[in-house]
PDB file of N, CA and C in Angstrom:
ATOM      1  N   MET A   1       0.746   9.240  -7.380  1.00  0.00           N
ATOM      2  CA  MET A   1      -0.482   9.522  -6.687  1.00  0.00           C
ATOM      3  C   MET A   1      -1.620   9.584  -7.708  1.00  0.00           C
ATOM      4  N   ASP A   2      -2.729   8.972  -7.353  1.00  0.00           N
ATOM      5  CA  ASP A   2      -3.895   9.145  -8.212  1.00  0.00           C
ATOM      6  C   ASP A   2      -4.758  10.275  -7.659  1.00  0.00           C
ATOM      7  N   HIS A   3      -5.870  10.549  -8.295  1.00  0.00           N
ATOM      8  CA  HIS A   3      -6.696  11.685  -7.877  1.00  0.00           C
ATOM      9  C   HIS A   3      -7.418  11.456  -6.548  1.00  0.00           C
ATOM     10  N   PHE A   4      -7.390  10.221  -6.012  1.00  0.00           N
ATOM     11  CA  PHE A   4      -7.947   9.934  -4.692  1.00  0.00           C
ATOM     12  C   PHE A   4      -6.910  10.113  -3.579  1.00  0.00           C
ATOM     13  N   GLY A   5      -5.638  10.285  -3.960  1.00  0.00           N
ATOM     14  CA  GLY A   5      -4.568  10.404  -2.981  1.00  0.00           C
ATOM     15  C   GLY A   5      -3.919   9.077  -2.638  1.00  0.00           C
ATOM     16  N   ASN A   6      -4.201   8.033  -3.422  1.00  0.00           N
ATOM     17  CA  ASN A   6      -3.555   6.733  -3.238  1.00  0.00           C
ATOM     18  C   ASN A   6      -2.158   6.773  -3.850  1.00  0.00           C
ATOM     19  N   ALA A   7      -1.185   6.194  -3.149  1.00  0.00           N
ATOM     20  CA  ALA A   7       0.182   6.121  -3.655  1.00  0.00           C
ATOM     21  C   ALA A   7       0.325   4.813  -4.441  1.00  0.00           C
ATOM     22  N   ILE A   8       0.425   4.907  -5.746  1.00  0.00           N
ATOM     23  CA  ILE A   8       0.472   3.733  -6.605  1.00  0.00           C
ATOM     24  C   ILE A   8       1.917   3.436  -6.971  1.00  0.00           C
ATOM     25  N   SER A   9       2.325   2.203  -6.717  1.00  0.00           N
ATOM     26  CA  SER A   9       3.707   1.793  -6.989  1.00  0.00           C
ATOM     27  C   SER A   9       3.799   1.089  -8.342  1.00  0.00           C
ATOM     28  N   CYS A  10       4.979   0.606  -8.650  1.00  0.00           N
ATOM     29  CA  CYS A  10       5.177  -0.222  -9.844  1.00  0.00           C
ATOM     30  C   CYS A  10       5.335  -1.693  -9.445  1.00  0.00           C
ATOM     31  N   ILE A  11       4.973  -2.031  -8.200  1.00  0.00           N
ATOM     32  CA  ILE A  11       5.106  -3.397  -7.679  1.00  0.00           C
ATOM     33  C   ILE A  11       3.852  -4.188  -8.052  1.00  0.00           C
ATOM     34  N   THR A  12       4.050  -5.325  -8.717  1.00  0.00           N
ATOM     35  CA  THR A  12       2.926  -6.158  -9.176  1.00  0.00           C
ATOM     36  C   THR A  12       2.707  -7.353  -8.263  1.00  0.00           C
ATOM     37  N   SER A  13       1.624  -8.064  -8.505  1.00  0.00           N
ATOM     38  CA  SER A  13       1.348  -9.285  -7.737  1.00  0.00           C
ATOM     39  C   SER A  13       2.451 -10.317  -7.962  1.00  0.00           C
ATOM     40  N   ASP A  14       2.997 -10.393  -9.165  1.00  0.00           N
ATOM     41  CA  ASP A  14       4.105 -11.319  -9.429  1.00  0.00           C
ATOM     42  C   ASP A  14       5.338 -10.956  -8.600  1.00  0.00           C
ATOM     43  N   ASP A  15       5.591  -9.655  -8.448  1.00  0.00           N
ATOM     44  CA  ASP A  15       6.714  -9.220  -7.608  1.00  0.00           C
ATOM     45  C   ASP A  15       6.520  -9.695  -6.174  1.00  0.00           C
ATOM     46  N   LEU A  16       5.298  -9.564  -5.659  1.00  0.00           N
ATOM     47  CA  LEU A  16       5.015 -10.001  -4.285  1.00  0.00           C
ATOM     48  C   LEU A  16       5.164 -11.511  -4.159  1.00  0.00           C
ATOM     49  N   LEU A  17       4.680 -12.257  -5.146  1.00  0.00           N
ATOM     50  CA  LEU A  17       4.810 -13.714  -5.126  1.00  0.00           C
ATOM     51  C   LEU A  17       6.268 -14.149  -5.144  1.00  0.00           C
ATOM     52  N   SER A  18       7.113 -13.391  -5.818  1.00  0.00           N
ATOM     53  CA  SER A  18       8.531 -13.755  -5.910  1.00  0.00           C
ATOM     54  C   SER A  18       9.242 -13.642  -4.557  1.00  0.00           C
ATOM     55  N   LEU A  19       8.612 -12.957  -3.589  1.00  0.00           N
ATOM     56  CA  LEU A  19       9.209 -12.826  -2.260  1.00  0.00           C
ATOM     57  C   LEU A  19       8.951 -14.043  -1.386  1.00  0.00           C
ATOM     58  N   GLY A  20       8.169 -14.999  -1.878  1.00  0.00           N
ATOM     59  CA  GLY A  20       7.907 -16.226  -1.154  1.00  0.00           C
ATOM     60  C   GLY A  20       6.726 -16.088  -0.214  1.00  0.00           C
ATOM     61  N   SER A  21       6.508 -17.154   0.549  1.00  0.00           N
ATOM     62  CA  SER A  21       5.356 -17.164   1.459  1.00  0.00           C
ATOM     63  C   SER A  21       5.688 -16.436   2.755  1.00  0.00           C
ATOM     64  N   GLY A  22       4.660 -16.128   3.506  1.00  0.00           N
ATOM     65  CA  GLY A  22       4.833 -15.414   4.765  1.00  0.00           C
ATOM     66  C   GLY A  22       4.242 -14.030   4.692  1.00  0.00           C
ATOM     67  N   GLU A  23       4.116 -13.408   5.843  1.00  0.00           N
ATOM     68  CA  GLU A  23       3.497 -12.089   5.908  1.00  0.00           C
ATOM     69  C   GLU A  23       4.455 -11.004   5.435  1.00  0.00           C
ATOM     70  N   LEU A  24       3.940 -10.131   4.610  1.00  0.00           N
ATOM     71  CA  LEU A  24       4.714  -9.002   4.103  1.00  0.00           C
ATOM     72  C   LEU A  24       4.136  -7.713   4.667  1.00  0.00           C
ATOM     73  N   ARG A  25       4.976  -6.722   4.848  1.00  0.00           N
ATOM     74  CA  ARG A  25       4.561  -5.384   5.267  1.00  0.00           C
ATOM     75  C   ARG A  25       5.075  -4.387   4.246  1.00  0.00           C
ATOM     76  N   VAL A  26       4.390  -3.284   4.155  1.00  0.00           N
ATOM     77  CA  VAL A  26       4.764  -2.237   3.217  1.00  0.00           C
ATOM     78  C   VAL A  26       5.149  -1.005   4.023  1.00  0.00           C
ATOM     79  N   ARG A  27       6.304  -0.440   3.693  1.00  0.00           N
ATOM     80  CA  ARG A  27       6.772   0.776   4.364  1.00  0.00           C
ATOM     81  C   ARG A  27       6.843   1.901   3.346  1.00  0.00           C
ATOM     82  N   CYS A  28       6.288   3.016   3.750  1.00  0.00           N
ATOM     83  CA  CYS A  28       6.295   4.212   2.911  1.00  0.00           C
ATOM     84  C   CYS A  28       6.577   5.380   3.843  1.00  0.00           C
ATOM     85  N   GLY A  29       7.773   5.920   3.756  1.00  0.00           N
ATOM     86  CA  GLY A  29       8.190   6.929   4.725  1.00  0.00           C
ATOM     87  C   GLY A  29       8.316   6.279   6.090  1.00  0.00           C
ATOM     88  N   SER A  30       7.762   6.890   7.110  1.00  0.00           N
ATOM     89  CA  SER A  30       7.832   6.325   8.461  1.00  0.00           C
ATOM     90  C   SER A  30       6.625   5.446   8.770  1.00  0.00           C
ATOM     91  N   THR A  31       5.743   5.257   7.795  1.00  0.00           N
ATOM     92  CA  THR A  31       4.528   4.477   7.990  1.00  0.00           C
ATOM     93  C   THR A  31       4.729   3.045   7.523  1.00  0.00           C
ATOM     94  N   GLN A  32       4.272   2.099   8.327  1.00  0.00           N
ATOM     95  CA  GLN A  32       4.303   0.692   7.952  1.00  0.00           C
ATOM     96  C   GLN A  32       2.873   0.178   7.975  1.00  0.00           C
ATOM     97  N   VAL A  33       2.446  -0.469   6.892  1.00  0.00           N
ATOM     98  CA  VAL A  33       1.083  -0.986   6.785  1.00  0.00           C
ATOM     99  C   VAL A  33       1.114  -2.435   6.325  1.00  0.00           C
ATOM    100  N   CYS A  34       0.025  -3.144   6.597  1.00  0.00           N
ATOM    101  CA  CYS A  34      -0.083  -4.520   6.121  1.00  0.00           C
ATOM    102  C   CYS A  34      -0.794  -4.529   4.771  1.00  0.00           C
ATOM    103  N   ILE A  35      -0.658  -5.634   4.082  1.00  0.00           N
ATOM    104  CA  ILE A  35      -1.305  -5.807   2.786  1.00  0.00           C
ATOM    105  C   ILE A  35      -2.639  -6.499   3.026  1.00  0.00           C
ATOM    106  N   VAL A  36      -3.701  -5.923   2.472  1.00  0.00           N
ATOM    107  CA  VAL A  36      -5.044  -6.482   2.589  1.00  0.00           C
ATOM    108  C   VAL A  36      -5.566  -6.808   1.197  1.00  0.00           C
ATOM    109  N   SER A  37      -6.665  -7.545   1.155  1.00  0.00           N
ATOM    110  CA  SER A  37      -7.244  -7.926  -0.135  1.00  0.00           C
ATOM    111  C   SER A  37      -8.175  -6.869  -0.704  1.00  0.00           C
ATOM    112  N   THR A  38      -8.963  -6.224   0.170  1.00  0.00           N
ATOM    113  CA  THR A  38      -9.939  -5.238  -0.290  1.00  0.00           C
ATOM    114  C   THR A  38     -10.024  -4.088   0.711  1.00  0.00           C
ATOM    115  N   TYR A  39     -10.641  -2.997   0.284  1.00  0.00           N
ATOM    116  CA  TYR A  39     -10.867  -1.865   1.185  1.00  0.00           C
ATOM    117  C   TYR A  39     -11.722  -2.280   2.382  1.00  0.00           C
ATOM    118  N   ALA A  40     -12.606  -3.240   2.186  1.00  0.00           N
ATOM    119  CA  ALA A  40     -13.487  -3.694   3.273  1.00  0.00           C
ATOM    120  C   ALA A  40     -12.705  -4.337   4.414  1.00  0.00           C
ATOM    121  N   ASP A  41     -11.462  -4.730   4.173  1.00  0.00           N
ATOM    122  CA  ASP A  41     -10.625  -5.340   5.211  1.00  0.00           C
ATOM    123  C   ASP A  41     -10.018  -4.300   6.152  1.00  0.00           C
ATOM    124  N   VAL A  42     -10.270  -3.017   5.889  1.00  0.00           N
ATOM    125  CA  VAL A  42      -9.663  -1.925   6.642  1.00  0.00           C
ATOM    126  C   VAL A  42     -10.768  -1.054   7.240  1.00  0.00           C
ATOM    127  N   ALA A  43     -10.593  -0.641   8.482  1.00  0.00           N
ATOM    128  CA  ALA A  43     -11.566   0.262   9.109  1.00  0.00           C
ATOM    129  C   ALA A  43     -11.489   1.640   8.453  1.00  0.00           C
ATOM    130  N   ALA A  44     -12.574   2.384   8.531  1.00  0.00           N
ATOM    131  CA  ALA A  44     -12.626   3.731   7.969  1.00  0.00           C
ATOM    132  C   ALA A  44     -11.476   4.567   8.510  1.00  0.00           C
ATOM    133  N   SER A  45     -10.845   5.333   7.643  1.00  0.00           N
ATOM    134  CA  SER A  45      -9.733   6.247   7.950  1.00  0.00           C
ATOM    135  C   SER A  45      -8.420   5.532   8.279  1.00  0.00           C
ATOM    136  N   GLN A  46      -8.364   4.218   8.128  1.00  0.00           N
ATOM    137  CA  GLN A  46      -7.135   3.477   8.402  1.00  0.00           C
ATOM    138  C   GLN A  46      -6.357   3.240   7.106  1.00  0.00           C
ATOM    139  N   SER A  47      -5.046   3.134   7.229  1.00  0.00           N
ATOM    140  CA  SER A  47      -4.186   2.936   6.063  1.00  0.00           C
ATOM    141  C   SER A  47      -3.835   1.466   5.885  1.00  0.00           C
ATOM    142  N   ALA A  48      -3.547   1.106   4.641  1.00  0.00           N
ATOM    143  CA  ALA A  48      -3.175  -0.264   4.288  1.00  0.00           C
ATOM    144  C   ALA A  48      -2.551  -0.225   2.897  1.00  0.00           C
ATOM    145  N   ALA A  49      -2.168  -1.387   2.420  1.00  0.00           N
ATOM    146  CA  ALA A  49      -1.711  -1.545   1.041  1.00  0.00           C
ATOM    147  C   ALA A  49      -2.544  -2.648   0.416  1.00  0.00           C
ATOM    148  N   LEU A  50      -2.802  -2.509  -0.866  1.00  0.00           N
ATOM    149  CA  LEU A  50      -3.552  -3.536  -1.585  1.00  0.00           C
ATOM    150  C   LEU A  50      -3.203  -3.474  -3.056  1.00  0.00           C
ATOM    151  N   LEU A  51      -3.537  -4.559  -3.760  1.00  0.00           N
ATOM    152  CA  LEU A  51      -3.341  -4.580  -5.210  1.00  0.00           C
ATOM    153  C   LEU A  51      -4.562  -3.947  -5.850  1.00  0.00           C
ATOM    154  N   GLY A  52      -4.346  -2.888  -6.602  1.00  0.00           N
ATOM    155  CA  GLY A  52      -5.439  -2.195  -7.274  1.00  0.00           C
ATOM    156  C   GLY A  52      -5.867  -2.917  -8.530  1.00  0.00           C
ATOM    157  N   SER A  53      -6.835  -2.348  -9.207  1.00  0.00           N
ATOM    158  CA  SER A  53      -7.396  -2.981 -10.403  1.00  0.00           C
ATOM    159  C   SER A  53      -6.373  -3.124 -11.533  1.00  0.00           C
ATOM    160  N   GLY A  54      -5.306  -2.338 -11.507  1.00  0.00           N
ATOM    161  CA  GLY A  54      -4.248  -2.451 -12.509  1.00  0.00           C
ATOM    162  C   GLY A  54      -3.139  -3.406 -12.100  1.00  0.00           C
ATOM    163  N   ASP A  55      -3.381  -4.206 -11.027  1.00  0.00           N
ATOM    164  CA  ASP A  55      -2.411  -5.175 -10.504  1.00  0.00           C
ATOM    165  C   ASP A  55      -1.140  -4.499  -9.991  1.00  0.00           C
ATOM    166  N   LEU A  56      -1.283  -3.276  -9.469  1.00  0.00           N
ATOM    167  CA  LEU A  56      -0.155  -2.569  -8.875  1.00  0.00           C
ATOM    168  C   LEU A  56      -0.444  -2.335  -7.397  1.00  0.00           C
ATOM    169  N   LEU A  57       0.588  -2.480  -6.585  1.00  0.00           N
ATOM    170  CA  LEU A  57       0.447  -2.270  -5.147  1.00  0.00           C
ATOM    171  C   LEU A  57       0.216  -0.789  -4.876  1.00  0.00           C
ATOM    172  N   GLU A  58      -0.807  -0.502  -4.050  1.00  0.00           N
ATOM    173  CA  GLU A  58      -1.148   0.869  -3.701  1.00  0.00           C
ATOM    174  C   GLU A  58      -1.153   1.025  -2.185  1.00  0.00           C
ATOM    175  N   VAL A  59      -0.671   2.147  -1.687  1.00  0.00           N
ATOM    176  CA  VAL A  59      -0.832   2.513  -0.285  1.00  0.00           C
ATOM    177  C   VAL A  59      -2.059   3.412  -0.245  1.00  0.00           C
ATOM    178  N   VAL A  60      -3.040   3.027   0.594  1.00  0.00           N
ATOM    179  CA  VAL A  60      -4.340   3.685   0.577  1.00  0.00           C
ATOM    180  C   VAL A  60      -4.795   4.024   1.994  1.00  0.00           C
ATOM    181  N   VAL A  61      -5.779   4.883   2.076  1.00  0.00           N
ATOM    182  CA  VAL A  61      -6.512   5.143   3.310  1.00  0.00           C
ATOM    183  C   VAL A  61      -7.982   4.965   2.958  1.00  0.00           C
ATOM    184  N   ARG A  62      -8.663   4.083   3.682  1.00  0.00           N
ATOM    185  CA  ARG A  62     -10.072   3.855   3.381  1.00  0.00           C
ATOM    186  C   ARG A  62     -10.863   5.137   3.647  1.00  0.00           C
ATOM    187  N   ASP A  63     -11.647   5.513   2.668  1.00  0.00           N
ATOM    188  CA  ASP A  63     -12.478   6.718   2.744  1.00  0.00           C
ATOM    189  C   ASP A  63     -11.645   7.967   2.994  1.00  0.00           C
ATOM    190  N   GLY A  64     -10.432   7.989   2.470  1.00  0.00           N
ATOM    191  CA  GLY A  64      -9.571   9.152   2.657  1.00  0.00           C
ATOM    192  C   GLY A  64      -8.428   9.159   1.669  1.00  0.00           C
ATOM    193  N   SER A  65      -7.491  10.041   1.918  1.00  0.00           N
ATOM    194  CA  SER A  65      -6.334  10.238   1.046  1.00  0.00           C
ATOM    195  C   SER A  65      -5.055   9.821   1.774  1.00  0.00           C
ATOM    196  N   ALA A  66      -4.339   8.860   1.210  1.00  0.00           N
ATOM    197  CA  ALA A  66      -3.055   8.460   1.786  1.00  0.00           C
ATOM    198  C   ALA A  66      -2.052   9.603   1.694  1.00  0.00           C
ATOM    199  N   ALA A  67      -2.107  10.366   0.618  1.00  0.00           N
ATOM    200  CA  ALA A  67      -1.189  11.499   0.459  1.00  0.00           C
ATOM    201  C   ALA A  67      -1.378  12.485   1.604  1.00  0.00           C
ATOM    202  N   ALA A  68      -2.624  12.816   1.915  1.00  0.00           N
ATOM    203  CA  ALA A  68      -2.905  13.794   2.970  1.00  0.00           C
ATOM    204  C   ALA A  68      -2.651  13.221   4.362  1.00  0.00           C
ATOM    205  N   LYS A  69      -3.174  12.029   4.635  1.00  0.00           N
ATOM    206  CA  LYS A  69      -3.070  11.467   5.991  1.00  0.00           C
ATOM    207  C   LYS A  69      -1.646  11.067   6.347  1.00  0.00           C
ATOM    208  N   LEU A  70      -0.917  10.499   5.382  1.00  0.00           N
ATOM    209  CA  LEU A  70       0.419   9.972   5.663  1.00  0.00           C
ATOM    210  C   LEU A  70       1.526  10.914   5.203  1.00  0.00           C
ATOM    211  N   GLY A  71       1.166  12.016   4.589  1.00  0.00           N
ATOM    212  CA  GLY A  71       2.169  12.971   4.117  1.00  0.00           C
ATOM    213  C   GLY A  71       2.991  12.449   2.959  1.00  0.00           C
ATOM    214  N   LEU A  72       2.391  11.618   2.125  1.00  0.00           N
ATOM    215  CA  LEU A  72       3.123  11.018   1.012  1.00  0.00           C
ATOM    216  C   LEU A  72       3.192  11.977  -0.167  1.00  0.00           C
ATOM    217  N   LYS A  73       4.298  11.876  -0.878  1.00  0.00           N
ATOM    218  CA  LYS A  73       4.508  12.696  -2.060  1.00  0.00           C
ATOM    219  C   LYS A  73       4.883  11.805  -3.238  1.00  0.00           C
ATOM    220  N   ARG A  74       4.687  12.341  -4.426  1.00  0.00           N
ATOM    221  CA  ARG A  74       5.081  11.630  -5.642  1.00  0.00           C
ATOM    222  C   ARG A  74       6.559  11.263  -5.533  1.00  0.00           C
ATOM    223  N   GLU A  75       6.883  10.043  -5.914  1.00  0.00           N
ATOM    224  CA  GLU A  75       8.234   9.494  -5.929  1.00  0.00           C
ATOM    225  C   GLU A  75       8.775   9.103  -4.556  1.00  0.00           C
ATOM    226  N   ASP A  76       7.946   9.137  -3.490  1.00  0.00           N
ATOM    227  CA  ASP A  76       8.372   8.544  -2.218  1.00  0.00           C
ATOM    228  C   ASP A  76       8.545   7.042  -2.431  1.00  0.00           C
ATOM    229  N   ALA A  77       9.517   6.470  -1.776  1.00  0.00           N
ATOM    230  CA  ALA A  77       9.779   5.031  -1.920  1.00  0.00           C
ATOM    231  C   ALA A  77       8.694   4.218  -1.220  1.00  0.00           C
ATOM    232  N   ILE A  78       8.277   3.136  -1.859  1.00  0.00           N
ATOM    233  CA  ILE A  78       7.373   2.150  -1.262  1.00  0.00           C
ATOM    234  C   ILE A  78       8.171   0.860  -1.196  1.00  0.00           C
ATOM    235  N   ILE A  79       8.391   0.374   0.026  1.00  0.00           N
ATOM    236  CA  ILE A  79       9.260  -0.785   0.250  1.00  0.00           C
ATOM    237  C   ILE A  79       8.453  -1.927   0.834  1.00  0.00           C
ATOM    238  N   VAL A  80       8.602  -3.106   0.247  1.00  0.00           N
ATOM    239  CA  VAL A  80       7.941  -4.300   0.759  1.00  0.00           C
ATOM    240  C   VAL A  80       8.971  -5.102   1.543  1.00  0.00           C
ATOM    241  N   GLU A  81       8.608  -5.461   2.791  1.00  0.00           N
ATOM    242  CA  GLU A  81       9.516  -6.189   3.672  1.00  0.00           C
ATOM    243  C   GLU A  81       8.811  -7.405   4.257  1.00  0.00           C
ATOM    244  N   ARG A  82       9.570  -8.421   4.541  1.00  0.00           N
ATOM    245  CA  ARG A  82       9.030  -9.587   5.232  1.00  0.00           C
ATOM    246  C   ARG A  82       8.821  -9.220   6.684  1.00  0.00           C
ATOM    247  N   HIS A  83       7.632  -9.512   7.204  1.00  0.00           N
ATOM    248  CA  HIS A  83       7.303  -9.213   8.605  1.00  0.00           C
ATOM    249  C   HIS A  83       7.765 -10.388   9.462  1.00  0.00           C
ATOM    250  N   PRO A  84       8.563 -10.088  10.496  1.00  0.00           N
ATOM    251  CA  PRO A  84       9.087 -11.195  11.323  1.00  0.00           C
ATOM    252  C   PRO A  84       8.011 -11.897  12.123  1.00  0.00           C
TER     253      PRO A  84
END
């Protein structure tokens, strides 16, 4: 978790590319979110995943805290799955 409440993983853009083409979803606890390019792609207070400036996949809430809104804790698993 960073000081904004974003859940930062160790998953890189290369890791995502290695999964091949098609839509991917990110699951963290009981929450499933789509991957977006920027915060602007998400409505205020909505959750998503994106690649942060350090090229690591983050679960975020626009204008909020993913830790607080989604109940995420340090070391919770972040799983990337192919969306059917």
